[in-house]
C-alpha atoms as a PDB file:
ATOM      1  CA  MET A   1     -22.982  99.114 183.805  1.00  0.00           C
ATOM      2  CA  ALA A   2     -19.759 101.500 183.274  1.00  0.00           C
ATOM      3  CA  ASN A   3     -19.528 104.277 185.011  1.00  0.00           C
ATOM      4  CA  ILE A   4     -17.144 106.606 182.307  1.00  0.00           C
ATOM      5  CA  LYS A   5     -18.738 107.814 179.461  1.00  0.00           C
ATOM      6  CA  SER A   6     -16.455 106.782 176.699  1.00  0.00           C
ATOM      7  CA  MET A   7     -17.065 102.828 178.314  1.00  0.00           C
ATOM      8  CA  LYS A   8     -20.382 103.420 177.875  1.00  0.00           C
ATOM      9  CA  LYS A   9     -20.021 104.474 174.181  1.00  0.00           C
ATOM     10  CA  ASP A  10     -17.725 101.028 174.040  1.00  0.00           C
ATOM     11  CA  LEU A  11     -20.731  99.128 175.026  1.00  0.00           C
ATOM     12  CA  ARG A  12     -23.179 100.448 172.742  1.00  0.00           C
ATOM     13  CA  ARG A  13     -21.007 100.183 169.509  1.00  0.00           C
ATOM     14  CA  ASN A  14     -19.759  96.702 170.820  1.00  0.00           C
ATOM     15  CA  ALA A  15     -23.273  95.723 170.940  1.00  0.00           C
ATOM     16  CA  LYS A  16     -24.074  96.875 167.411  1.00  0.00           C
ATOM     17  CA  ALA A  17     -21.326  94.781 165.792  1.00  0.00           C
ATOM     18  CA  ARG A  18     -22.175  91.961 168.017  1.00  0.00           C
ATOM     19  CA  ALA A  19     -25.542  92.067 166.434  1.00  0.00           C
ATOM     20  CA  VAL A  20     -23.943  92.853 163.062  1.00  0.00           C
ATOM     21  CA  ASN A  21     -21.594  89.858 163.255  1.00  0.00           C
ATOM     22  CA  GLN A  22     -24.167  87.535 164.468  1.00  0.00           C
ATOM     23  CA  SER A  23     -26.176  87.896 161.212  1.00  0.00           C
ATOM     24  CA  VAL A  24     -23.306  87.447 159.246  1.00  0.00           C
ATOM     25  CA  ARG A  25     -22.463  84.213 160.394  1.00  0.00           C
ATOM     26  CA  THR A  26     -26.547  83.210 160.382  1.00  0.00           C
ATOM     27  CA  SER A  27     -25.802  83.774 156.668  1.00  0.00           C
ATOM     28  CA  LEU A  28     -23.067  81.968 156.405  1.00  0.00           C
ATOM     29  CA  LYS A  29     -24.907  79.136 157.555  1.00  0.00           C
ATOM     30  CA  THR A  30     -27.253  79.821 154.856  1.00  0.00           C
ATOM     31  CA  HIS A  31     -24.796  79.954 152.564  1.00  0.00           C
ATOM     32  CA  VAL A  32     -23.636  76.468 153.106  1.00  0.00           C
ATOM     33  CA  LYS A  33     -26.839  74.992 153.773  1.00  0.00           C
ATOM     34  CA  LYS A  34     -27.754  76.026 150.089  1.00  0.00           C
ATOM     35  CA  ALA A  35     -24.243  74.547 148.861  1.00  0.00           C
ATOM     36  CA  ARG A  36     -25.571  71.181 150.249  1.00  0.00           C
ATOM     37  CA  GLN A  37     -28.713  71.077 148.360  1.00  0.00           C
ATOM     38  CA  ALA A  38     -26.852  72.696 145.135  1.00  0.00           C
ATOM     39  CA  THR A  39     -27.993  71.094 141.719  1.00  0.00           C
ATOM     40  CA  ALA A  40     -25.962  70.546 138.488  1.00  0.00           C
ATOM     41  CA  GLU A  41     -27.548  73.781 137.288  1.00  0.00           C
ATOM     42  CA  ASN A  42     -26.746  76.218 139.819  1.00  0.00           C
ATOM     43  CA  ILE A  43     -23.789  74.665 141.538  1.00  0.00           C
ATOM     44  CA  GLY A  44     -20.917  77.211 140.087  1.00  0.00           C
ATOM     45  CA  GLU A  45     -23.094  80.313 141.675  1.00  0.00           C
ATOM     46  CA  VAL A  46     -23.754  78.631 144.607  1.00  0.00           C
ATOM     47  CA  VAL A  47     -20.082  77.575 145.123  1.00  0.00           C
ATOM     48  CA  SER A  48     -18.908  81.287 144.374  1.00  0.00           C
ATOM     49  CA  ASN A  49     -21.206  82.629 146.937  1.00  0.00           C
ATOM     50  CA  VAL A  50     -20.022  80.743 149.596  1.00  0.00           C
ATOM     51  CA  ALA A  51     -16.501  81.078 148.372  1.00  0.00           C
ATOM     52  CA  LYS A  52     -17.130  85.193 148.401  1.00  0.00           C
ATOM     53  CA  ALA A  53     -19.001  84.891 151.571  1.00  0.00           C
ATOM     54  CA  MET A  54     -16.540  83.206 153.838  1.00  0.00           C
ATOM     55  CA  ASP A  55     -13.748  85.554 152.217  1.00  0.00           C
ATOM     56  CA  LYS A  56     -15.642  88.461 153.044  1.00  0.00           C
ATOM     57  CA  ALA A  57     -16.259  87.392 156.587  1.00  0.00           C
ATOM     58  CA  ALA A  58     -12.837  86.565 157.423  1.00  0.00           C
ATOM     59  CA  GLN A  59     -11.371  89.640 156.050  1.00  0.00           C
ATOM     60  CA  LYS A  60     -13.865  91.878 158.098  1.00  0.00           C
ATOM     61  CA  GLY A  61     -12.303  89.346 161.360  1.00  0.00           C
ATOM     62  CA  ILE A  62     -16.177  87.984 161.609  1.00  0.00           C
ATOM     63  CA  ILE A  63     -14.215  84.423 161.779  1.00  0.00           C
ATOM     64  CA  HIS A  64     -10.823  83.177 161.439  1.00  0.00           C
ATOM     65  CA  PRO A  65      -9.343  83.135 158.018  1.00  0.00           C
ATOM     66  CA  ASN A  66      -8.393  79.353 158.821  1.00  0.00           C
ATOM     67  CA  GLN A  67     -11.791  78.640 159.664  1.00  0.00           C
ATOM     68  CA  ALA A  68     -13.127  79.891 156.380  1.00  0.00           C
ATOM     69  CA  ALA A  69     -10.902  78.002 154.429  1.00  0.00           C
ATOM     70  CA  ARG A  70     -11.827  75.254 156.375  1.00  0.00           C
ATOM     71  CA  ARG A  71     -15.681  76.177 155.798  1.00  0.00           C
ATOM     72  CA  LYS A  72     -15.702  76.584 152.146  1.00  0.00           C
ATOM     73  CA  SER A  73     -13.481  73.305 151.370  1.00  0.00           C
ATOM     74  CA  ARG A  74     -16.695  71.498 153.771  1.00  0.00           C
ATOM     75  CA  ALA A  75     -18.997  73.588 151.583  1.00  0.00           C
ATOM     76  CA  MET A  76     -17.508  72.278 148.410  1.00  0.00           C
ATOM     77  CA  LYS A  77     -17.308  68.826 149.073  1.00  0.00           C
ATOM     78  CA  ALA A  78     -21.225  68.787 150.025  1.00  0.00           C
ATOM     79  CA  ALA A  79     -22.046  70.771 146.878  1.00  0.00           C
ATOM     80  CA  ALA A  80     -20.257  68.455 144.760  1.00  0.00           C
ATOM     81  CA  LYS A  81     -21.693  65.350 146.986  1.00  0.00           C
ATOM     82  CA  SER A  82     -24.916  66.663 146.259  1.00  0.00           C
ATOM     83  CA  VAL A  83     -24.651  66.929 142.908  1.00  0.00           C
ATOM     84  CA  ALA A  84     -22.821  63.458 142.321  1.00  0.00           C
ATOM     85  CA  ASN A  85     -25.499  61.798 144.783  1.00  0.00           C
ATOM     86  CA  PRO A  86     -29.004  63.869 144.418  1.00  0.00           C
ATOM     87  CA  VAL A  87     -31.107  62.638 147.209  1.00  0.00           C
ATOM     88  CA  VAL A  88     -34.902  62.073 146.729  1.00  0.00           C
ATOM     89  CA  LYS A  89     -36.944  62.345 149.416  1.00  0.00           C
ATOM     90  CA  ALA A  90     -39.627  59.838 150.700  1.00  0.00           C
ATOM     91  CA  GLU A  91     -42.256  59.428 152.572  1.00  0.00           C
ATOM     92  CA  LYS A  92     -41.975  58.617 155.962  1.00  0.00           C
ATOM     93  CA  PRO A  93     -43.603  55.218 157.141  1.00  0.00           C
ATOM     94  CA  HIS A  94     -46.863  55.485 159.867  1.00  0.00           C
ATOM     95  CA  LYS A  95     -45.584  54.912 163.012  1.00  0.00           C
ATOM     96  CA  VAL A  96     -46.860  51.456 164.372  1.00  0.00           C
ATOM     97  CA  ALA A  97     -48.384  52.071 167.896  1.00  0.00           C
ATOM     98  CA  ALA A  98     -45.556  50.276 169.815  1.00  0.00           C
ATOM     99  CA  ALA A  99     -47.480  47.622 172.325  1.00  0.00           C
ATOM    100  CA  LYS A 100     -47.218  48.109 176.085  1.00  0.00           C
ATOM    101  CA  LYS A 101     -45.448  46.239 178.301  1.00  0.00           C
ATOM    102  CA  GLU A 102     -47.376  44.513 181.326  1.00  0.00           C
ATOM    103  CA  VAL A 103     -46.428  45.995 184.818  1.00  0.00           C
ATOM    104  CA  LYS A 104     -45.782  43.333 186.913  1.00  0.00           C
ATOM    105  CA  PRO A 105     -47.301  43.822 190.850  1.00  0.00           C
ATOM    106  CA  LYS A 106     -45.002  43.840 193.255  1.00  0.00           C
ATOM    107  CA  THR A 107     -44.565  40.604 195.565  1.00  0.00           C
ATOM    108  CA  ALA A 108     -45.739  40.704 199.097  1.00  0.00           C
ATOM    109  CA  THR A 109     -41.964  40.756 200.270  1.00  0.00           C
ATOM    110  CA  LYS A 110     -40.862  43.236 197.961  1.00  0.00           C
ATOM    111  CA  ALA A 111     -43.628  45.619 199.149  1.00  0.00           C
ATOM    112  CA  LYS A 112     -42.387  44.820 202.800  1.00  0.00           C
ATOM    113  CA  ALA A 113     -38.951  45.462 202.019  1.00  0.00           C
ATOM    114  CA  ASP A 114     -39.468  48.953 199.949  1.00  0.00           C
ATOM    115  CA  LYS A 115     -41.636  50.071 203.202  1.00  0.00           C
ATOM    116  CA  SER A 116     -38.968  49.689 205.693  1.00  0.00           C
END
């Protein structure tokens, strides 16, 4: 722990900023997830929200501007893909119980070799 008063204050300030930055990064992931699940009706709104959030985070220094550009591009591609090829979730088939393998008993020579 720091001994100097200003250093203690810096630690408190950094902890607060870190918490805010983490929540912003998490919300960015949520925006991208929504873009991947976009429909034809809401694609424009969703993509603009992603772009706005990424640019704002880059402007505040939470993520690098190049990272923001890359993530926006990928989100837009994913949104376009989800609109072009909507995914229909099918039910998962029931798992069939796997047949258990027979365990062969050790032969006498192997058992003696294991003991020595």
